[in-house]
Amino acid sequence: MTRSHARAKSVPLGVDLGPDNVSVVAAAATPNGFAVCETRTLDVAMSPRFDSLDLAIADTLRTIVAGFSTRERRCILAAPAGDVVSRTFRLPRGMGRREAERAAALEADAVVDWPPSERLVALDPIPDRADEMMLSVARNSTIERIVTIARAGGLKPVAVDTPACAWRRTVPAADALLDCSNDRASLEIFGHPVGVTHVFPPRLIDERLAAGLRSAFVEARRDGIADVQRLAFLGSRFRYESIEALLRDDGYALTPVVLGDAEAPPWALAYGLATWSIAVRGMRSL
């Protein structure tokens, strides 16, 4: 969809680089707020001229951007969920920023078992919490890979966000998001401030998926992460109706992700990434 906006200021593109498809959202900051200007999702098509999946993804990205009217080439990427871990980091009284960064690098030893040379460690402020920050640890090689793909696609990456933060900005009224748009369903429970991600086996039947969701919600409540009541759903209308019926009697309110006039758009994560530059301080990441 394409719209025109007077006095609009371009913001970096939101770019979701998946192995099966690529989504890009071009947006702007206007006097009336955040506005989506252009969106597009294309399947990644391998061909004999590509000797790797990364080249095919980059070519797909280049095709999308070439068809956009915007001249914006800055972009925000998402770190693959399996290669980034976030925790709350408590700041001792009087600790400065540099000292905190050194302490966070040591704390990363307890968060992941990747060697230090393979880690990218970031600290971000948490709104309204002066004594805590968000500690994120990502794989260097993974970040370098997606940045290389974006550059090969003609873009200039300016930040890499965690998927949980981007999803939270996409559905700010929800306590959690269930993404059933792929074979392997995933659940993002939004904690206060750090949540938890659950990835379910591929092609799980709805009854078993609902049982897994109930278990995840109980664990989140027990661990003080979140008391999930409102669940946003991304996927087909048929599957939404099936999951909604299975969870209805448990008291969970399940609603589809709707952005503008689009229900369950494939570019939903890219939308959340595009909002990075206007996010409340502390919701940015890597």
C-alpha atoms as a PDB file:
ATOM      1  CA  MET A   1       0.000   0.000   0.000  1.00  0.00           C
ATOM      2  CA  THR A   2       1.228   3.523  -0.789  1.00  0.00           C
ATOM      3  CA  ARG A   3       0.223   6.851   0.751  1.00  0.00           C
ATOM      4  CA  SER A   4       1.526  10.405   0.490  1.00  0.00           C
ATOM      5  CA  HIS A   5       2.246  12.548   3.557  1.00  0.00           C
ATOM      6  CA  ALA A   6       2.964  16.274   3.658  1.00  0.00           C
ATOM      7  CA  ARG A   7       5.989  17.355   5.677  1.00  0.00           C
ATOM      8  CA  ALA A   8       6.845  13.725   6.358  1.00  0.00           C
ATOM      9  CA  LYS A   9      10.333  12.816   7.538  1.00  0.00           C
ATOM     10  CA  SER A  10      11.676   9.496   6.306  1.00  0.00           C
ATOM     11  CA  VAL A  11      12.808   6.954   8.905  1.00  0.00           C
ATOM     12  CA  PRO A  12      15.054   3.909   8.297  1.00  0.00           C
ATOM     13  CA  LEU A  13      13.384   1.017   6.487  1.00  0.00           C
ATOM     14  CA  GLY A  14      12.237  -1.974   8.497  1.00  0.00           C
ATOM     15  CA  VAL A  15      13.738  -5.083   6.870  1.00  0.00           C
ATOM     16  CA  ASP A  16      12.847  -8.685   7.745  1.00  0.00           C
ATOM     17  CA  LEU A  17      15.320 -11.061   6.081  1.00  0.00           C
ATOM     18  CA  GLY A  18      13.823 -14.547   6.199  1.00  0.00           C
ATOM     19  CA  PRO A  19      15.092 -17.670   4.441  1.00  0.00           C
ATOM     20  CA  ASP A  20      11.766 -18.067   2.618  1.00  0.00           C
ATOM     21  CA  ASN A  21      10.702 -14.461   2.049  1.00  0.00           C
ATOM     22  CA  VAL A  22      11.860 -10.883   2.550  1.00  0.00           C
ATOM     23  CA  SER A  23       9.674  -8.037   3.793  1.00  0.00           C
ATOM     24  CA  VAL A  24      10.378  -4.313   3.754  1.00  0.00           C
ATOM     25  CA  VAL A  25       8.378  -1.445   5.244  1.00  0.00           C
ATOM     26  CA  ALA A  26       9.048   2.188   4.332  1.00  0.00           C
ATOM     27  CA  ALA A  27       7.620   4.661   6.822  1.00  0.00           C
ATOM     28  CA  ALA A  28       7.766   8.286   7.864  1.00  0.00           C
ATOM     29  CA  ALA A  29       7.397  10.450  10.936  1.00  0.00           C
ATOM     30  CA  THR A  30       4.687  13.046  10.251  1.00  0.00           C
ATOM     31  CA  PRO A  31       3.048  15.809  12.308  1.00  0.00           C
ATOM     32  CA  ASN A  32       0.228  13.324  12.909  1.00  0.00           C
ATOM     33  CA  GLY A  33       2.487  10.471  13.997  1.00  0.00           C
ATOM     34  CA  PHE A  34       4.069   7.381  12.465  1.00  0.00           C
ATOM     35  CA  ALA A  35       2.845   6.578   8.948  1.00  0.00           C
ATOM     36  CA  VAL A  36       3.424   3.559   6.709  1.00  0.00           C
ATOM     37  CA  CYS A  37       4.251   4.626   3.147  1.00  0.00           C
ATOM     38  CA  GLU A  38       5.099   1.402   1.296  1.00  0.00           C
ATOM     39  CA  THR A  39       5.213  -2.302   2.086  1.00  0.00           C
ATOM     40  CA  ARG A  40       6.189  -5.364   0.109  1.00  0.00           C
ATOM     41  CA  THR A  41       6.945  -9.038   0.717  1.00  0.00           C
ATOM     42  CA  LEU A  42       8.603 -11.296  -1.872  1.00  0.00           C
ATOM     43  CA  ASP A  43       9.424 -14.986  -1.761  1.00  0.00           C
ATOM     44  CA  VAL A  44      13.104 -15.857  -1.997  1.00  0.00           C
ATOM     45  CA  ALA A  45      13.663 -17.730  -5.262  1.00  0.00           C
ATOM     46  CA  MET A  46      16.829 -19.761  -5.735  1.00  0.00           C
ATOM     47  CA  SER A  47      18.225 -20.006  -9.244  1.00  0.00           C
ATOM     48  CA  PRO A  48      21.408 -21.365 -10.909  1.00  0.00           C
ATOM     49  CA  ARG A  49      22.938 -17.873 -10.854  1.00  0.00           C
ATOM     50  CA  PHE A  50      23.038 -17.918  -7.043  1.00  0.00           C
ATOM     51  CA  ASP A  51      25.572 -20.179  -5.338  1.00  0.00           C
ATOM     52  CA  SER A  52      24.197 -19.473  -1.867  1.00  0.00           C
ATOM     53  CA  LEU A  53      20.923 -18.661  -0.114  1.00  0.00           C
ATOM     54  CA  ASP A  54      22.383 -15.359   1.119  1.00  0.00           C
ATOM     55  CA  LEU A  55      22.873 -14.140  -2.455  1.00  0.00           C
ATOM     56  CA  ALA A  56      19.279 -15.060  -3.284  1.00  0.00           C
ATOM     57  CA  ILE A  57      18.020 -13.159  -0.225  1.00  0.00           C
ATOM     58  CA  ALA A  58      20.097 -10.116  -1.175  1.00  0.00           C
ATOM     59  CA  ASP A  59      18.741 -10.211  -4.739  1.00  0.00           C
ATOM     60  CA  THR A  60      15.163 -10.400  -3.416  1.00  0.00           C
ATOM     61  CA  LEU A  61      15.844  -7.410  -1.165  1.00  0.00           C
ATOM     62  CA  ARG A  62      17.333  -5.461  -4.063  1.00  0.00           C
ATOM     63  CA  THR A  63      14.237  -6.154  -6.178  1.00  0.00           C
ATOM     64  CA  ILE A  64      11.909  -4.875  -3.449  1.00  0.00           C
ATOM     65  CA  VAL A  65      13.870  -1.691  -2.810  1.00  0.00           C
ATOM     66  CA  ALA A  66      14.201  -0.941  -6.537  1.00  0.00           C
ATOM     67  CA  GLY A  67      10.407  -0.906  -6.781  1.00  0.00           C
ATOM     68  CA  PHE A  68       9.916   1.518  -3.902  1.00  0.00           C
ATOM     69  CA  SER A  69       9.388   5.228  -4.492  1.00  0.00           C
ATOM     70  CA  THR A  70      11.329   6.175  -1.353  1.00  0.00           C
ATOM     71  CA  ARG A  71      15.005   7.084  -1.622  1.00  0.00           C
ATOM     72  CA  GLU A  72      15.641   5.962   1.955  1.00  0.00           C
ATOM     73  CA  ARG A  73      18.397   3.372   2.139  1.00  0.00           C
ATOM     74  CA  ARG A  74      19.080   3.243   5.863  1.00  0.00           C
ATOM     75  CA  CYS A  75      17.543   0.192   7.480  1.00  0.00           C
ATOM     76  CA  ILE A  76      16.893  -1.628  10.747  1.00  0.00           C
ATOM     77  CA  LEU A  77      17.401  -5.406  10.807  1.00  0.00           C
ATOM     78  CA  ALA A  78      16.287  -8.111  13.242  1.00  0.00           C
ATOM     79  CA  ALA A  79      18.717 -10.544  14.837  1.00  0.00           C
ATOM     80  CA  PRO A  80      17.541 -14.147  14.363  1.00  0.00           C
ATOM     81  CA  ALA A  81      15.672 -15.137  17.529  1.00  0.00           C
ATOM     82  CA  GLY A  82      17.837 -18.204  18.109  1.00  0.00           C
ATOM     83  CA  ASP A  83      21.042 -16.160  18.071  1.00  0.00           C
ATOM     84  CA  VAL A  84      20.216 -13.422  20.562  1.00  0.00           C
ATOM     85  CA  VAL A  85      19.506 -13.647  24.295  1.00  0.00           C
ATOM     86  CA  SER A  86      18.293 -10.818  26.538  1.00  0.00           C
ATOM     87  CA  ARG A  87      18.384 -10.468  30.321  1.00  0.00           C
ATOM     88  CA  THR A  88      17.890  -7.755  32.925  1.00  0.00           C
ATOM     89  CA  PHE A  89      21.185  -6.302  34.136  1.00  0.00           C
ATOM     90  CA  ARG A  90      21.158  -4.618  37.552  1.00  0.00           C
ATOM     91  CA  LEU A  91      23.445  -1.632  37.986  1.00  0.00           C
ATOM     92  CA  PRO A  92      25.213  -1.267  41.360  1.00  0.00           C
ATOM     93  CA  ARG A  93      24.867   2.207  42.799  1.00  0.00           C
ATOM     94  CA  GLY A  94      27.406   4.631  41.360  1.00  0.00           C
ATOM     95  CA  MET A  95      28.505   2.395  38.462  1.00  0.00           C
ATOM     96  CA  GLY A  96      29.388   4.362  35.319  1.00  0.00           C
ATOM     97  CA  ARG A  97      28.616   3.403  31.736  1.00  0.00           C
ATOM     98  CA  ARG A  98      32.047   2.046  30.833  1.00  0.00           C
ATOM     99  CA  GLU A  99      32.282   0.055  34.037  1.00  0.00           C
ATOM    100  CA  ALA A 100      28.782  -1.293  33.371  1.00  0.00           C
ATOM    101  CA  GLU A 101      29.803  -2.400  29.884  1.00  0.00           C
ATOM    102  CA  ARG A 102      32.800  -4.288  31.265  1.00  0.00           C
ATOM    103  CA  ALA A 103      30.604  -5.943  33.891  1.00  0.00           C
ATOM    104  CA  ALA A 104      28.038  -6.839  31.225  1.00  0.00           C
ATOM    105  CA  ALA A 105      30.735  -8.539  29.144  1.00  0.00           C
ATOM    106  CA  LEU A 106      31.549 -10.723  32.161  1.00  0.00           C
ATOM    107  CA  GLU A 107      27.851 -11.341  32.835  1.00  0.00           C
ATOM    108  CA  ALA A 108      27.536 -12.664  29.285  1.00  0.00           C
ATOM    109  CA  ASP A 109      29.525 -15.735  30.423  1.00  0.00           C
ATOM    110  CA  ALA A 110      26.508 -16.778  32.478  1.00  0.00           C
ATOM    111  CA  VAL A 111      24.022 -15.975  29.708  1.00  0.00           C
ATOM    112  CA  VAL A 112      25.490 -17.896  26.742  1.00  0.00           C
ATOM    113  CA  ASP A 113      28.166 -20.520  26.228  1.00  0.00           C
ATOM    114  CA  TRP A 114      29.488 -18.945  23.015  1.00  0.00           C
ATOM    115  CA  PRO A 115      33.196 -17.976  23.101  1.00  0.00           C
ATOM    116  CA  PRO A 116      33.892 -14.274  23.810  1.00  0.00           C
ATOM    117  CA  SER A 117      35.101 -13.737  20.248  1.00  0.00           C
ATOM    118  CA  GLU A 118      31.672 -14.836  18.981  1.00  0.00           C
ATOM    119  CA  ARG A 119      29.649 -12.420  21.130  1.00  0.00           C
ATOM    120  CA  LEU A 120      28.210  -8.989  20.524  1.00  0.00           C
ATOM    121  CA  VAL A 121      27.131  -7.516  23.874  1.00  0.00           C
ATOM    122  CA  ALA A 122      24.817  -4.502  24.184  1.00  0.00           C
ATOM    123  CA  LEU A 123      23.338  -2.587  27.108  1.00  0.00           C
ATOM    124  CA  ASP A 124      20.185  -0.507  26.665  1.00  0.00           C
ATOM    125  CA  PRO A 125      18.289   1.722  29.101  1.00  0.00           C
ATOM    126  CA  ILE A 126      14.946   0.511  30.442  1.00  0.00           C
ATOM    127  CA  PRO A 127      12.236   3.195  30.680  1.00  0.00           C
ATOM    128  CA  ASP A 128      11.557   4.319  34.275  1.00  0.00           C
ATOM    129  CA  ARG A 129      14.254   2.035  35.732  1.00  0.00           C
ATOM    130  CA  ALA A 130      17.396   3.890  36.745  1.00  0.00           C
ATOM    131  CA  ASP A 131      19.042   0.851  38.376  1.00  0.00           C
ATOM    132  CA  GLU A 132      18.459  -1.679  35.580  1.00  0.00           C
ATOM    133  CA  MET A 133      19.374  -2.061  31.923  1.00  0.00           C
ATOM    134  CA  MET A 134      18.626  -4.602  29.207  1.00  0.00           C
ATOM    135  CA  LEU A 135      21.578  -6.874  28.453  1.00  0.00           C
ATOM    136  CA  SER A 136      21.508  -8.433  24.978  1.00  0.00           C
ATOM    137  CA  VAL A 137      24.043 -10.948  23.700  1.00  0.00           C
ATOM    138  CA  ALA A 138      24.092 -11.918  20.017  1.00  0.00           C
ATOM    139  CA  ARG A 139      26.338 -14.020  17.813  1.00  0.00           C
ATOM    140  CA  ASN A 140      28.861 -11.881  15.966  1.00  0.00           C
ATOM    141  CA  SER A 141      28.824 -14.127  12.908  1.00  0.00           C
ATOM    142  CA  THR A 142      25.037 -13.929  12.625  1.00  0.00           C
ATOM    143  CA  ILE A 143      24.976 -10.141  12.862  1.00  0.00           C
ATOM    144  CA  GLU A 144      27.771  -9.856  10.322  1.00  0.00           C
ATOM    145  CA  ARG A 145      25.858 -12.166   7.980  1.00  0.00           C
ATOM    146  CA  ILE A 146      22.602 -10.189   7.937  1.00  0.00           C
ATOM    147  CA  VAL A 147      24.463  -6.884   7.694  1.00  0.00           C
ATOM    148  CA  THR A 148      26.386  -8.242   4.677  1.00  0.00           C
ATOM    149  CA  ILE A 149      23.133  -9.367   3.032  1.00  0.00           C
ATOM    150  CA  ALA A 150      21.525  -5.956   3.584  1.00  0.00           C
ATOM    151  CA  ARG A 151      24.522  -4.152   2.107  1.00  0.00           C
ATOM    152  CA  ALA A 152      24.545  -6.498  -0.880  1.00  0.00           C
ATOM    153  CA  GLY A 153      20.871  -5.605  -1.332  1.00  0.00           C
ATOM    154  CA  GLY A 154      21.770  -1.932  -1.611  1.00  0.00           C
ATOM    155  CA  LEU A 155      20.927  -0.828   1.942  1.00  0.00           C
ATOM    156  CA  LYS A 156      22.824   0.798   4.801  1.00  0.00           C
ATOM    157  CA  PRO A 157      22.118  -0.968   8.136  1.00  0.00           C
ATOM    158  CA  VAL A 158      22.155   1.440  11.081  1.00  0.00           C
ATOM    159  CA  ALA A 159      20.962  -0.919  13.847  1.00  0.00           C
ATOM    160  CA  VAL A 160      20.066  -4.510  14.632  1.00  0.00           C
ATOM    161  CA  ASP A 161      17.057  -4.974  16.910  1.00  0.00           C
ATOM    162  CA  THR A 162      15.943  -7.982  18.935  1.00  0.00           C
ATOM    163  CA  PRO A 163      12.767  -9.587  17.521  1.00  0.00           C
ATOM    164  CA  ALA A 164      11.034  -9.380  20.921  1.00  0.00           C
ATOM    165  CA  CYS A 165      11.402  -5.588  21.052  1.00  0.00           C
ATOM    166  CA  ALA A 166      10.172  -5.191  17.465  1.00  0.00           C
ATOM    167  CA  TRP A 167       7.171  -7.446  18.078  1.00  0.00           C
ATOM    168  CA  ARG A 168       6.308  -5.547  21.239  1.00  0.00           C
ATOM    169  CA  ARG A 169       6.175  -2.298  19.300  1.00  0.00           C
ATOM    170  CA  THR A 170       4.048  -3.976  16.618  1.00  0.00           C
ATOM    171  CA  VAL A 171       1.378  -5.104  19.116  1.00  0.00           C
ATOM    172  CA  PRO A 172       1.784  -2.788  22.145  1.00  0.00           C
ATOM    173  CA  ALA A 173      -1.626  -3.685  23.611  1.00  0.00           C
ATOM    174  CA  ALA A 174      -0.866  -7.437  23.789  1.00  0.00           C
ATOM    175  CA  ASP A 175       0.829  -9.441  26.548  1.00  0.00           C
ATOM    176  CA  ALA A 176       2.230 -11.933  24.046  1.00  0.00           C
ATOM    177  CA  LEU A 177       2.330 -12.702  20.335  1.00  0.00           C
ATOM    178  CA  LEU A 178       1.866 -16.086  18.651  1.00  0.00           C
ATOM    179  CA  ASP A 179       3.414 -16.240  15.178  1.00  0.00           C
ATOM    180  CA  CYS A 180       1.976 -19.094  13.130  1.00  0.00           C
ATOM    181  CA  SER A 181       2.975 -17.691   9.753  1.00  0.00           C
ATOM    182  CA  ASN A 182       5.621 -20.410   9.265  1.00  0.00           C
ATOM    183  CA  ASP A 183       5.772 -24.178   9.792  1.00  0.00           C
ATOM    184  CA  ARG A 184       7.444 -23.659  13.169  1.00  0.00           C
ATOM    185  CA  ALA A 185       5.180 -21.567  15.432  1.00  0.00           C
ATOM    186  CA  SER A 186       6.814 -19.198  17.916  1.00  0.00           C
ATOM    187  CA  LEU A 187       5.525 -17.421  21.004  1.00  0.00           C
ATOM    188  CA  GLU A 188       6.867 -14.108  22.318  1.00  0.00           C
ATOM    189  CA  ILE A 189       5.814 -13.362  25.894  1.00  0.00           C
ATOM    190  CA  PHE A 190       6.476  -9.715  26.683  1.00  0.00           C
ATOM    191  CA  GLY A 191       7.994  -9.431  30.149  1.00  0.00           C
ATOM    192  CA  HIS A 192       8.554  -6.408  32.305  1.00  0.00           C
ATOM    193  CA  PRO A 193      11.035  -5.589  30.962  1.00  0.00           C
ATOM    194  CA  VAL A 194      12.481  -8.817  29.510  1.00  0.00           C
ATOM    195  CA  GLY A 195      10.270 -11.605  28.269  1.00  0.00           C
ATOM    196  CA  VAL A 196      10.760 -15.109  26.948  1.00  0.00           C
ATOM    197  CA  THR A 197      10.563 -16.820  23.544  1.00  0.00           C
ATOM    198  CA  HIS A 198       9.160 -20.309  22.910  1.00  0.00           C
ATOM    199  CA  VAL A 199       9.616 -22.100  19.581  1.00  0.00           C
ATOM    200  CA  PHE A 200       7.383 -25.097  18.914  1.00  0.00           C
ATOM    201  CA  PRO A 201       8.045 -28.162  16.723  1.00  0.00           C
ATOM    202  CA  PRO A 202       7.136 -27.749  13.028  1.00  0.00           C
ATOM    203  CA  ARG A 203       3.592 -28.447  11.840  1.00  0.00           C
ATOM    204  CA  LEU A 204       2.313 -29.036  15.384  1.00  0.00           C
ATOM    205  CA  ILE A 205      -1.415 -29.805  15.429  1.00  0.00           C
ATOM    206  CA  ASP A 206      -3.558 -27.111  17.032  1.00  0.00           C
ATOM    207  CA  GLU A 207      -4.542 -29.130  20.114  1.00  0.00           C
ATOM    208  CA  ARG A 208      -0.901 -29.753  21.029  1.00  0.00           C
ATOM    209  CA  LEU A 209       0.059 -26.168  20.250  1.00  0.00           C
ATOM    210  CA  ALA A 210      -2.709 -24.915  22.551  1.00  0.00           C
ATOM    211  CA  ALA A 211      -1.436 -27.226  25.305  1.00  0.00           C
ATOM    212  CA  GLY A 212       2.081 -25.845  24.820  1.00  0.00           C
ATOM    213  CA  LEU A 213       0.754 -22.294  25.031  1.00  0.00           C
ATOM    214  CA  ARG A 214      -1.059 -22.984  28.291  1.00  0.00           C
ATOM    215  CA  SER A 215       2.110 -24.449  29.775  1.00  0.00           C
ATOM    216  CA  ALA A 216       4.170 -21.439  28.644  1.00  0.00           C
ATOM    217  CA  PHE A 217       1.651 -19.017  30.148  1.00  0.00           C
ATOM    218  CA  VAL A 218       1.698 -20.853  33.486  1.00  0.00           C
ATOM    219  CA  GLU A 219       5.516 -20.798  33.554  1.00  0.00           C
ATOM    220  CA  ALA A 220       5.610 -17.078  32.735  1.00  0.00           C
ATOM    221  CA  ARG A 221       3.175 -16.312  35.554  1.00  0.00           C
ATOM    222  CA  ARG A 222       5.064 -18.531  38.008  1.00  0.00           C
ATOM    223  CA  ASP A 223       8.409 -16.951  37.112  1.00  0.00           C
ATOM    224  CA  GLY A 224       7.053 -13.415  37.422  1.00  0.00           C
ATOM    225  CA  ILE A 225       7.637 -12.626  33.745  1.00  0.00           C
ATOM    226  CA  ALA A 226       4.058 -11.795  32.768  1.00  0.00           C
ATOM    227  CA  ASP A 227       0.440 -12.674  33.431  1.00  0.00           C
ATOM    228  CA  VAL A 228      -0.705 -13.272  29.866  1.00  0.00           C
ATOM    229  CA  GLN A 229      -4.322 -12.349  29.196  1.00  0.00           C
ATOM    230  CA  ARG A 230      -4.227 -10.752  25.724  1.00  0.00           C
ATOM    231  CA  LEU A 231      -2.619 -12.786  22.957  1.00  0.00           C
ATOM    232  CA  ALA A 232      -1.986 -11.334  19.479  1.00  0.00           C
ATOM    233  CA  PHE A 233      -2.076 -13.854  16.631  1.00  0.00           C
ATOM    234  CA  LEU A 234      -0.231 -13.777  13.306  1.00  0.00           C
ATOM    235  CA  GLY A 235      -1.299 -16.403  10.781  1.00  0.00           C
ATOM    236  CA  SER A 236      -4.187 -17.553   8.615  1.00  0.00           C
ATOM    237  CA  ARG A 237      -7.789 -16.775   9.546  1.00  0.00           C
ATOM    238  CA  PHE A 238      -8.564 -20.516   9.615  1.00  0.00           C
ATOM    239  CA  ARG A 239      -5.849 -21.252  12.149  1.00  0.00           C
ATOM    240  CA  TYR A 240      -6.734 -18.193  14.195  1.00  0.00           C
ATOM    241  CA  GLU A 241     -10.295 -19.433  14.593  1.00  0.00           C
ATOM    242  CA  SER A 242      -9.074 -22.900  15.600  1.00  0.00           C
ATOM    243  CA  ILE A 243      -6.603 -21.650  18.260  1.00  0.00           C
ATOM    244  CA  GLU A 244      -9.065 -19.033  19.522  1.00  0.00           C
ATOM    245  CA  ALA A 245     -11.715 -21.716  20.101  1.00  0.00           C
ATOM    246  CA  LEU A 246      -9.225 -23.911  21.989  1.00  0.00           C
ATOM    247  CA  LEU A 247      -8.123 -21.090  24.321  1.00  0.00           C
ATOM    248  CA  ARG A 248     -11.436 -19.283  24.769  1.00  0.00           C
ATOM    249  CA  ASP A 249     -12.627 -21.289  27.780  1.00  0.00           C
ATOM    250  CA  ASP A 250      -9.286 -20.652  29.522  1.00  0.00           C
ATOM    251  CA  GLY A 251     -10.041 -16.936  29.570  1.00  0.00           C
ATOM    252  CA  TYR A 252      -7.386 -15.823  27.075  1.00  0.00           C
ATOM    253  CA  ALA A 253      -8.363 -13.051  24.660  1.00  0.00           C
ATOM    254  CA  LEU A 254      -6.948 -13.911  21.235  1.00  0.00           C
ATOM    255  CA  THR A 255      -6.999 -11.233  18.507  1.00  0.00           C
ATOM    256  CA  PRO A 256      -5.434 -11.180  15.027  1.00  0.00           C
ATOM    257  CA  VAL A 257      -2.623  -8.744  14.248  1.00  0.00           C
ATOM    258  CA  VAL A 258      -4.139  -5.854  12.287  1.00  0.00           C
ATOM    259  CA  LEU A 259      -2.014  -3.032  10.888  1.00  0.00           C
ATOM    260  CA  GLY A 260      -4.036  -0.381   9.101  1.00  0.00           C
ATOM    261  CA  ASP A 261      -6.420  -2.241   6.823  1.00  0.00           C
ATOM    262  CA  ALA A 262      -4.221  -5.357   6.649  1.00  0.00           C
ATOM    263  CA  GLU A 263      -4.941  -8.409   8.811  1.00  0.00           C
ATOM    264  CA  ALA A 264      -1.979 -10.678   9.632  1.00  0.00           C
ATOM    265  CA  PRO A 265       0.319  -8.970   7.095  1.00  0.00           C
ATOM    266  CA  PRO A 266       3.529 -10.879   6.265  1.00  0.00           C
ATOM    267  CA  TRP A 267       5.455  -7.629   6.862  1.00  0.00           C
ATOM    268  CA  ALA A 268       4.354  -7.301  10.511  1.00  0.00           C
ATOM    269  CA  LEU A 269       7.859  -7.776  11.935  1.00  0.00           C
ATOM    270  CA  ALA A 270       9.306  -5.323   9.382  1.00  0.00           C
ATOM    271  CA  TYR A 271       6.720  -2.808  10.595  1.00  0.00           C
ATOM    272  CA  GLY A 272       7.961  -3.177  14.166  1.00  0.00           C
ATOM    273  CA  LEU A 273      11.538  -2.697  12.964  1.00  0.00           C
ATOM    274  CA  ALA A 274      10.563   0.459  11.070  1.00  0.00           C
ATOM    275  CA  THR A 275       9.306   1.982  14.338  1.00  0.00           C
ATOM    276  CA  TRP A 276      12.768   1.611  15.924  1.00  0.00           C
ATOM    277  CA  SER A 277      13.820   5.223  15.433  1.00  0.00           C
ATOM    278  CA  ILE A 278      10.708   6.634  17.099  1.00  0.00           C
ATOM    279  CA  ALA A 279      10.619   4.098  19.947  1.00  0.00           C
ATOM    280  CA  VAL A 280      10.569   5.084  23.592  1.00  0.00           C
ATOM    281  CA  ARG A 281      14.117   5.272  24.937  1.00  0.00           C
ATOM    282  CA  GLY A 282      15.116   1.840  26.186  1.00  0.00           C
ATOM    283  CA  MET A 283      13.253  -0.156  23.535  1.00  0.00           C
ATOM    284  CA  ARG A 284      16.156  -0.075  21.098  1.00  0.00           C
ATOM    285  CA  SER A 285      18.652  -2.878  21.054  1.00  0.00           C
ATOM    286  CA  LEU A 286      21.909  -4.234  19.634  1.00  0.00           C
END
